[in-house]
Amino acid sequence: MHSVKQSFNLFLLISVLPLFLAVLVALFEEPEKPNNALDFIKLHLGAAGPEPADTEALRTELADLQQKCSELMEENKELRSRLMQYEPSPDGEAAE
């Protein structure tokens, strides 16, 4: 049990503490202190999610790309079927 505790303490000292100290230094050096220090820390540690505007833009882009992908899949299917009229596959079946 003692070894596990030592390993965890070492992990904190090597990984977590330097990162947390860097965020606290950034907060200290911030010319205009934020109203909520915890939000500042979350943002700099990457725990705060994307901004709502970013999320909406990404959702819109995702929907557009999904539509485009669907259209391209249909076009690909149609072109493959047209190609099979001129070049049948070696095994005699349509390739998908």
C-alpha atoms as a PDB file:
ATOM      1  CA  MET A   1       0.000   0.000   0.000  1.00  0.00           C
ATOM      2  CA  HIS A   2       2.889   2.300   0.810  1.00  0.00           C
ATOM      3  CA  SER A   3       4.354   1.781  -2.668  1.00  0.00           C
ATOM      4  CA  VAL A   4       1.089   2.767  -4.359  1.00  0.00           C
ATOM      5  CA  LYS A   5       0.935   5.967  -2.311  1.00  0.00           C
ATOM      6  CA  GLN A   6       4.549   6.796  -3.202  1.00  0.00           C
ATOM      7  CA  SER A   7       3.868   6.156  -6.890  1.00  0.00           C
ATOM      8  CA  PHE A   8       0.841   8.418  -6.808  1.00  0.00           C
ATOM      9  CA  ASN A   9       2.777  11.167  -5.025  1.00  0.00           C
ATOM     10  CA  LEU A  10       5.535  10.886  -7.620  1.00  0.00           C
ATOM     11  CA  PHE A  11       2.946  11.105 -10.399  1.00  0.00           C
ATOM     12  CA  LEU A  12       1.521  14.279  -8.833  1.00  0.00           C
ATOM     13  CA  LEU A  13       4.956  15.845  -8.456  1.00  0.00           C
ATOM     14  CA  ILE A  14       6.074  15.033 -11.985  1.00  0.00           C
ATOM     15  CA  SER A  15       2.899  15.432 -14.023  1.00  0.00           C
ATOM     16  CA  VAL A  16       0.170  17.369 -12.286  1.00  0.00           C
ATOM     17  CA  LEU A  17       1.965  19.916 -10.145  1.00  0.00           C
ATOM     18  CA  PRO A  18       4.041  21.550 -12.929  1.00  0.00           C
ATOM     19  CA  LEU A  19       0.970  21.876 -15.125  1.00  0.00           C
ATOM     20  CA  PHE A  20      -1.110  23.341 -12.325  1.00  0.00           C
ATOM     21  CA  LEU A  21       1.685  25.744 -11.353  1.00  0.00           C
ATOM     22  CA  ALA A  22       1.980  26.928 -14.964  1.00  0.00           C
ATOM     23  CA  VAL A  23      -1.743  27.714 -15.026  1.00  0.00           C
ATOM     24  CA  LEU A  24      -1.515  29.576 -11.709  1.00  0.00           C
ATOM     25  CA  VAL A  25       1.438  31.602 -12.997  1.00  0.00           C
ATOM     26  CA  ALA A  26      -0.575  32.446 -16.137  1.00  0.00           C
ATOM     27  CA  LEU A  27      -3.439  33.568 -13.889  1.00  0.00           C
ATOM     28  CA  PHE A  28      -1.064  35.677 -11.803  1.00  0.00           C
ATOM     29  CA  GLU A  29       0.460  37.290 -14.913  1.00  0.00           C
ATOM     30  CA  GLU A  30      -2.942  37.999 -16.481  1.00  0.00           C
ATOM     31  CA  PRO A  31      -3.230  41.825 -16.716  1.00  0.00           C
ATOM     32  CA  GLU A  32      -7.004  41.768 -16.360  1.00  0.00           C
ATOM     33  CA  LYS A  33      -7.935  39.240 -13.723  1.00  0.00           C
ATOM     34  CA  PRO A  34     -10.956  37.103 -14.649  1.00  0.00           C
ATOM     35  CA  ASN A  35     -14.107  37.247 -12.539  1.00  0.00           C
ATOM     36  CA  ASN A  36     -13.983  33.503 -11.968  1.00  0.00           C
ATOM     37  CA  ALA A  37     -10.534  32.032 -11.350  1.00  0.00           C
ATOM     38  CA  LEU A  38     -11.872  28.485 -11.490  1.00  0.00           C
ATOM     39  CA  ASP A  39     -13.203  29.025 -15.029  1.00  0.00           C
ATOM     40  CA  PHE A  40      -9.795  30.453 -16.009  1.00  0.00           C
ATOM     41  CA  ILE A  41      -8.071  27.358 -14.624  1.00  0.00           C
ATOM     42  CA  LYS A  42     -10.524  25.006 -16.342  1.00  0.00           C
ATOM     43  CA  LEU A  43     -10.046  26.800 -19.638  1.00  0.00           C
ATOM     44  CA  HIS A  44      -6.264  26.616 -19.443  1.00  0.00           C
ATOM     45  CA  LEU A  45      -6.294  22.973 -18.356  1.00  0.00           C
ATOM     46  CA  GLY A  46      -8.634  22.100 -21.212  1.00  0.00           C
ATOM     47  CA  ALA A  47     -11.488  21.064 -18.931  1.00  0.00           C
ATOM     48  CA  ALA A  48     -13.869  23.750 -20.154  1.00  0.00           C
ATOM     49  CA  GLY A  49     -15.679  22.558 -23.253  1.00  0.00           C
ATOM     50  CA  PRO A  50     -15.761  24.452 -26.513  1.00  0.00           C
ATOM     51  CA  GLU A  51     -17.610  27.722 -26.700  1.00  0.00           C
ATOM     52  CA  PRO A  52     -21.293  27.423 -27.690  1.00  0.00           C
ATOM     53  CA  ALA A  53     -20.661  29.369 -30.907  1.00  0.00           C
ATOM     54  CA  ASP A  54     -17.846  26.966 -31.801  1.00  0.00           C
ATOM     55  CA  THR A  55     -20.065  24.007 -31.045  1.00  0.00           C
ATOM     56  CA  GLU A  56     -22.845  25.314 -33.281  1.00  0.00           C
ATOM     57  CA  ALA A  57     -20.406  26.015 -36.116  1.00  0.00           C
ATOM     58  CA  LEU A  58     -19.008  22.501 -35.806  1.00  0.00           C
ATOM     59  CA  ARG A  59     -22.495  20.982 -35.814  1.00  0.00           C
ATOM     60  CA  THR A  60     -23.384  22.923 -38.950  1.00  0.00           C
ATOM     61  CA  GLU A  61     -20.152  21.864 -40.634  1.00  0.00           C
ATOM     62  CA  LEU A  62     -20.764  18.237 -39.616  1.00  0.00           C
ATOM     63  CA  ALA A  63     -24.282  18.289 -41.088  1.00  0.00           C
ATOM     64  CA  ASP A  64     -22.969  19.820 -44.329  1.00  0.00           C
ATOM     65  CA  LEU A  65     -20.189  17.244 -44.598  1.00  0.00           C
ATOM     66  CA  GLN A  66     -22.567  14.372 -43.880  1.00  0.00           C
ATOM     67  CA  GLN A  67     -24.872  15.611 -46.653  1.00  0.00           C
ATOM     68  CA  LYS A  68     -21.936  15.960 -49.043  1.00  0.00           C
ATOM     69  CA  CYS A  69     -20.714  12.459 -48.134  1.00  0.00           C
ATOM     70  CA  SER A  70     -24.156  11.035 -48.790  1.00  0.00           C
ATOM     71  CA  GLU A  71     -24.330  12.753 -52.168  1.00  0.00           C
ATOM     72  CA  LEU A  72     -20.868  11.498 -53.107  1.00  0.00           C
ATOM     73  CA  MET A  73     -21.746   7.947 -52.056  1.00  0.00           C
ATOM     74  CA  GLU A  74     -24.820   8.037 -54.306  1.00  0.00           C
ATOM     75  CA  GLU A  75     -22.765   9.458 -57.177  1.00  0.00           C
ATOM     76  CA  ASN A  76     -20.122   6.780 -56.634  1.00  0.00           C
ATOM     77  CA  LYS A  77     -22.769   4.046 -56.667  1.00  0.00           C
ATOM     78  CA  GLU A  78     -24.263   5.416 -59.881  1.00  0.00           C
ATOM     79  CA  LEU A  79     -20.872   5.720 -61.588  1.00  0.00           C
ATOM     80  CA  ARG A  80     -19.907   2.197 -60.551  1.00  0.00           C
ATOM     81  CA  SER A  81     -23.106   0.833 -62.009  1.00  0.00           C
ATOM     82  CA  ARG A  82     -22.507   2.738 -65.259  1.00  0.00           C
ATOM     83  CA  LEU A  83     -18.922   1.492 -65.334  1.00  0.00           C
ATOM     84  CA  MET A  84     -20.076  -2.102 -64.920  1.00  0.00           C
ATOM     85  CA  GLN A  85     -21.983  -1.775 -68.223  1.00  0.00           C
ATOM     86  CA  TYR A  86     -18.647  -1.333 -70.001  1.00  0.00           C
ATOM     87  CA  GLU A  87     -16.227  -3.281 -67.786  1.00  0.00           C
ATOM     88  CA  PRO A  88     -17.766  -6.197 -65.907  1.00  0.00           C
ATOM     89  CA  SER A  89     -15.763  -7.466 -62.954  1.00  0.00           C
ATOM     90  CA  PRO A  90     -13.589 -10.584 -63.504  1.00  0.00           C
ATOM     91  CA  ASP A  91     -15.807 -12.780 -61.288  1.00  0.00           C
ATOM     92  CA  GLY A  92     -18.954 -11.664 -63.060  1.00  0.00           C
ATOM     93  CA  GLU A  93     -20.504  -9.878 -60.070  1.00  0.00           C
ATOM     94  CA  ALA A  94     -20.987  -6.191 -59.524  1.00  0.00           C
ATOM     95  CA  ALA A  95     -18.322  -4.755 -57.212  1.00  0.00           C
ATOM     96  CA  GLU A  96     -19.506  -2.514 -54.377  1.00  0.00           C
END
